[in-house]
Amino acid sequence: MIASVAKWGNSLALRIPQAFAKEAKLMEGGPVDISIVDGALVVRSVEPVVEYDLDVLLSGITEDNIHGETATKLAVGNEF
């Protein structure tokens, strides 16, 4: 498929047809890796990095889903 490169601010932009975006798993606002391989522009979809918030995770613990203590081996240092 032949496409045209357009100016977007101080950069260049390339419109990606929906069928190509779907097959390459590209989503609007999604992260991509851009590189040059043998003189060709390569754009690859990448998995977003998930950042966890401890307070949010802890807020999901309830009396119904909390588990008991886990049996482990005897203490080997000053754990207690």
N, C-alpha and C. Protein backbone atom coordinates (compact mmCIF):
# COMPACT_ATOMS: atom_id res chain seq x y z
N MET A 1 0.85 -1.17 0.00
CA MET A 1 0.00 0.00 0.00
C MET A 1 0.90 1.23 0.00
N ILE A 2 0.58 2.18 -0.81
CA ILE A 2 1.30 3.45 -0.87
C ILE A 2 0.51 4.47 -0.05
N ALA A 3 1.22 5.19 0.82
CA ALA A 3 0.59 6.22 1.66
C ALA A 3 1.42 7.49 1.57
N SER A 4 0.88 8.57 2.08
CA SER A 4 1.58 9.86 2.06
C SER A 4 1.97 10.27 3.47
N VAL A 5 3.13 10.89 3.57
CA VAL A 5 3.60 11.43 4.84
C VAL A 5 3.15 12.88 4.91
N ALA A 6 2.61 13.30 6.05
CA ALA A 6 2.12 14.67 6.22
C ALA A 6 2.90 15.36 7.33
N LYS A 7 2.87 16.67 7.33
CA LYS A 7 3.54 17.45 8.38
C LYS A 7 2.59 17.58 9.56
N TRP A 8 3.13 17.40 10.77
CA TRP A 8 2.35 17.54 12.00
C TRP A 8 3.22 18.33 12.96
N GLY A 9 3.02 19.63 13.06
CA GLY A 9 3.89 20.49 13.84
C GLY A 9 5.27 20.48 13.22
N ASN A 10 6.30 20.21 14.04
CA ASN A 10 7.67 20.11 13.53
C ASN A 10 8.04 18.68 13.15
N SER A 11 7.06 17.78 13.21
CA SER A 11 7.32 16.37 12.93
C SER A 11 6.59 15.94 11.66
N LEU A 12 6.74 14.69 11.33
CA LEU A 12 6.02 14.10 10.21
C LEU A 12 5.06 13.05 10.76
N ALA A 13 3.95 12.85 10.07
CA ALA A 13 2.94 11.89 10.50
C ALA A 13 2.58 10.97 9.35
N LEU A 14 2.20 9.77 9.69
CA LEU A 14 1.77 8.79 8.71
C LEU A 14 0.43 8.22 9.18
N ARG A 15 -0.58 8.33 8.37
CA ARG A 15 -1.89 7.79 8.73
C ARG A 15 -1.85 6.28 8.51
N ILE A 16 -2.25 5.53 9.54
CA ILE A 16 -2.22 4.06 9.47
C ILE A 16 -3.65 3.57 9.24
N PRO A 17 -3.89 2.85 8.15
CA PRO A 17 -5.24 2.34 7.89
C PRO A 17 -5.72 1.44 9.03
N GLN A 18 -7.03 1.46 9.28
CA GLN A 18 -7.62 0.71 10.39
C GLN A 18 -7.27 -0.78 10.32
N ALA A 19 -7.30 -1.37 9.14
CA ALA A 19 -7.00 -2.80 9.01
C ALA A 19 -5.56 -3.10 9.45
N PHE A 20 -4.63 -2.21 9.09
CA PHE A 20 -3.23 -2.39 9.50
C PHE A 20 -3.10 -2.22 11.01
N ALA A 21 -3.75 -1.20 11.55
CA ALA A 21 -3.68 -0.94 12.99
C ALA A 21 -4.23 -2.12 13.78
N LYS A 22 -5.33 -2.67 13.32
CA LYS A 22 -5.94 -3.81 14.02
C LYS A 22 -5.01 -5.02 13.99
N GLU A 23 -4.46 -5.33 12.82
CA GLU A 23 -3.58 -6.49 12.71
C GLU A 23 -2.31 -6.32 13.53
N ALA A 24 -1.79 -5.08 13.61
CA ALA A 24 -0.57 -4.81 14.37
C ALA A 24 -0.86 -4.54 15.84
N LYS A 25 -2.14 -4.60 16.23
CA LYS A 25 -2.56 -4.35 17.61
C LYS A 25 -2.17 -2.95 18.08
N LEU A 26 -2.35 -1.97 17.19
CA LEU A 26 -2.09 -0.58 17.54
C LEU A 26 -3.39 0.06 17.99
N MET A 27 -3.31 0.84 19.06
CA MET A 27 -4.49 1.55 19.57
C MET A 27 -4.14 3.01 19.75
N GLU A 28 -5.13 3.87 19.57
CA GLU A 28 -4.91 5.30 19.77
C GLU A 28 -4.39 5.54 21.19
N GLY A 29 -3.28 6.24 21.30
CA GLY A 29 -2.68 6.53 22.60
C GLY A 29 -1.83 5.40 23.15
N GLY A 30 -1.82 4.25 22.47
CA GLY A 30 -1.05 3.11 22.95
C GLY A 30 0.44 3.27 22.68
N PRO A 31 1.28 2.64 23.50
CA PRO A 31 2.73 2.75 23.31
C PRO A 31 3.21 1.93 22.12
N VAL A 32 4.18 2.47 21.40
CA VAL A 32 4.81 1.77 20.28
C VAL A 32 6.32 1.92 20.38
N ASP A 33 7.02 0.99 19.78
CA ASP A 33 8.47 1.07 19.65
C ASP A 33 8.76 1.43 18.20
N ILE A 34 9.52 2.50 17.98
CA ILE A 34 9.86 2.94 16.63
C ILE A 34 11.35 2.75 16.44
N SER A 35 11.73 2.09 15.33
CA SER A 35 13.14 1.87 15.05
C SER A 35 13.37 1.89 13.54
N ILE A 36 14.63 1.94 13.16
CA ILE A 36 15.03 1.85 11.77
C ILE A 36 15.77 0.53 11.61
N VAL A 37 15.30 -0.33 10.72
CA VAL A 37 15.93 -1.63 10.46
C VAL A 37 16.24 -1.70 8.97
N ASP A 38 17.52 -1.78 8.66
CA ASP A 38 17.97 -1.83 7.25
C ASP A 38 17.35 -0.70 6.43
N GLY A 39 17.31 0.49 7.01
CA GLY A 39 16.80 1.67 6.31
C GLY A 39 15.29 1.78 6.26
N ALA A 40 14.57 0.85 6.87
CA ALA A 40 13.11 0.89 6.87
C ALA A 40 12.59 1.29 8.25
N LEU A 41 11.56 2.09 8.27
CA LEU A 41 10.90 2.49 9.51
C LEU A 41 10.06 1.32 10.00
N VAL A 42 10.28 0.89 11.24
CA VAL A 42 9.53 -0.22 11.82
C VAL A 42 8.81 0.30 13.06
N VAL A 43 7.50 0.10 13.11
CA VAL A 43 6.68 0.51 14.25
C VAL A 43 6.05 -0.74 14.82
N ARG A 44 6.31 -1.00 16.10
CA ARG A 44 5.77 -2.19 16.76
C ARG A 44 4.99 -1.80 18.00
N SER A 45 3.85 -2.43 18.17
CA SER A 45 3.06 -2.24 19.38
C SER A 45 3.81 -2.88 20.55
N VAL A 46 3.78 -2.25 21.70
CA VAL A 46 4.40 -2.82 22.90
C VAL A 46 3.36 -2.88 24.01
N GLU A 47 3.55 -3.82 24.90
CA GLU A 47 2.65 -3.93 26.05
C GLU A 47 2.90 -2.76 26.99
N PRO A 48 1.85 -2.09 27.42
CA PRO A 48 2.05 -0.99 28.36
C PRO A 48 2.58 -1.51 29.70
N VAL A 49 3.40 -0.71 30.35
CA VAL A 49 3.94 -1.06 31.65
C VAL A 49 2.87 -0.77 32.69
N VAL A 50 2.50 -1.78 33.44
CA VAL A 50 1.47 -1.62 34.47
C VAL A 50 2.13 -1.14 35.74
N GLU A 51 1.64 -0.03 36.27
CA GLU A 51 2.14 0.49 37.53
C GLU A 51 1.07 0.27 38.59
N TYR A 52 1.45 -0.38 39.67
CA TYR A 52 0.52 -0.68 40.74
C TYR A 52 0.64 0.36 41.84
N ASP A 53 -0.48 0.67 42.46
CA ASP A 53 -0.53 1.59 43.58
C ASP A 53 -0.85 0.77 44.82
N LEU A 54 0.06 0.75 45.79
CA LEU A 54 -0.11 -0.09 46.98
C LEU A 54 -1.40 0.23 47.71
N ASP A 55 -1.73 1.50 47.85
CA ASP A 55 -2.96 1.87 48.56
C ASP A 55 -4.20 1.32 47.86
N VAL A 56 -4.20 1.36 46.54
CA VAL A 56 -5.34 0.82 45.78
C VAL A 56 -5.42 -0.69 45.96
N LEU A 57 -4.28 -1.37 45.89
CA LEU A 57 -4.26 -2.82 46.07
C LEU A 57 -4.74 -3.21 47.47
N LEU A 58 -4.25 -2.50 48.48
CA LEU A 58 -4.64 -2.82 49.85
C LEU A 58 -6.11 -2.53 50.11
N SER A 59 -6.66 -1.54 49.43
CA SER A 59 -8.07 -1.21 49.63
C SER A 59 -8.98 -2.32 49.13
N GLY A 60 -8.46 -3.21 48.29
CA GLY A 60 -9.25 -4.33 47.78
C GLY A 60 -9.32 -5.51 48.73
N ILE A 61 -8.57 -5.46 49.82
CA ILE A 61 -8.58 -6.56 50.80
C ILE A 61 -9.78 -6.38 51.72
N THR A 62 -10.57 -7.45 51.84
CA THR A 62 -11.74 -7.43 52.72
C THR A 62 -11.68 -8.63 53.65
N GLU A 63 -12.58 -8.67 54.60
CA GLU A 63 -12.67 -9.82 55.51
C GLU A 63 -12.98 -11.10 54.73
N ASP A 64 -13.68 -10.96 53.61
CA ASP A 64 -14.08 -12.13 52.82
C ASP A 64 -12.95 -12.70 51.97
N ASN A 65 -11.98 -11.86 51.57
CA ASN A 65 -10.95 -12.38 50.66
C ASN A 65 -9.55 -12.42 51.27
N ILE A 66 -9.42 -12.03 52.52
CA ILE A 66 -8.09 -12.07 53.15
C ILE A 66 -7.76 -13.53 53.50
N HIS A 67 -6.52 -13.91 53.29
CA HIS A 67 -6.13 -15.28 53.62
C HIS A 67 -5.37 -15.30 54.94
N GLY A 68 -5.30 -16.47 55.53
CA GLY A 68 -4.61 -16.62 56.80
C GLY A 68 -3.10 -16.64 56.62
N GLU A 69 -2.42 -16.91 57.71
CA GLU A 69 -0.97 -16.98 57.67
C GLU A 69 -0.53 -18.16 56.82
N THR A 70 0.66 -18.05 56.26
CA THR A 70 1.23 -19.11 55.45
C THR A 70 2.32 -19.80 56.25
N ALA A 71 2.25 -21.12 56.31
CA ALA A 71 3.26 -21.88 57.05
C ALA A 71 4.56 -21.88 56.26
N THR A 72 5.63 -21.52 56.94
CA THR A 72 6.96 -21.54 56.32
C THR A 72 7.90 -22.28 57.25
N LYS A 73 9.14 -22.35 56.88
CA LYS A 73 10.13 -23.04 57.72
C LYS A 73 10.41 -22.22 58.97
N LEU A 74 11.18 -22.79 59.86
CA LEU A 74 11.54 -22.11 61.10
C LEU A 74 12.40 -20.87 60.81
N ALA A 75 12.36 -19.93 61.74
CA ALA A 75 13.16 -18.72 61.60
C ALA A 75 14.64 -19.08 61.59
N VAL A 76 15.41 -18.38 60.76
CA VAL A 76 16.84 -18.64 60.68
C VAL A 76 17.65 -17.44 61.13
N GLY A 77 17.00 -16.36 61.42
CA GLY A 77 17.70 -15.14 61.83
C GLY A 77 16.92 -14.44 62.91
N ASN A 78 16.87 -13.13 62.84
CA ASN A 78 16.15 -12.34 63.84
C ASN A 78 14.81 -11.85 63.30
N GLU A 79 14.05 -12.75 62.64
CA GLU A 79 12.77 -12.37 62.07
C GLU A 79 11.77 -11.92 63.12
N PHE A 80 11.89 -12.45 64.34
CA PHE A 80 10.90 -12.13 65.37
C PHE A 80 11.47 -11.21 66.39
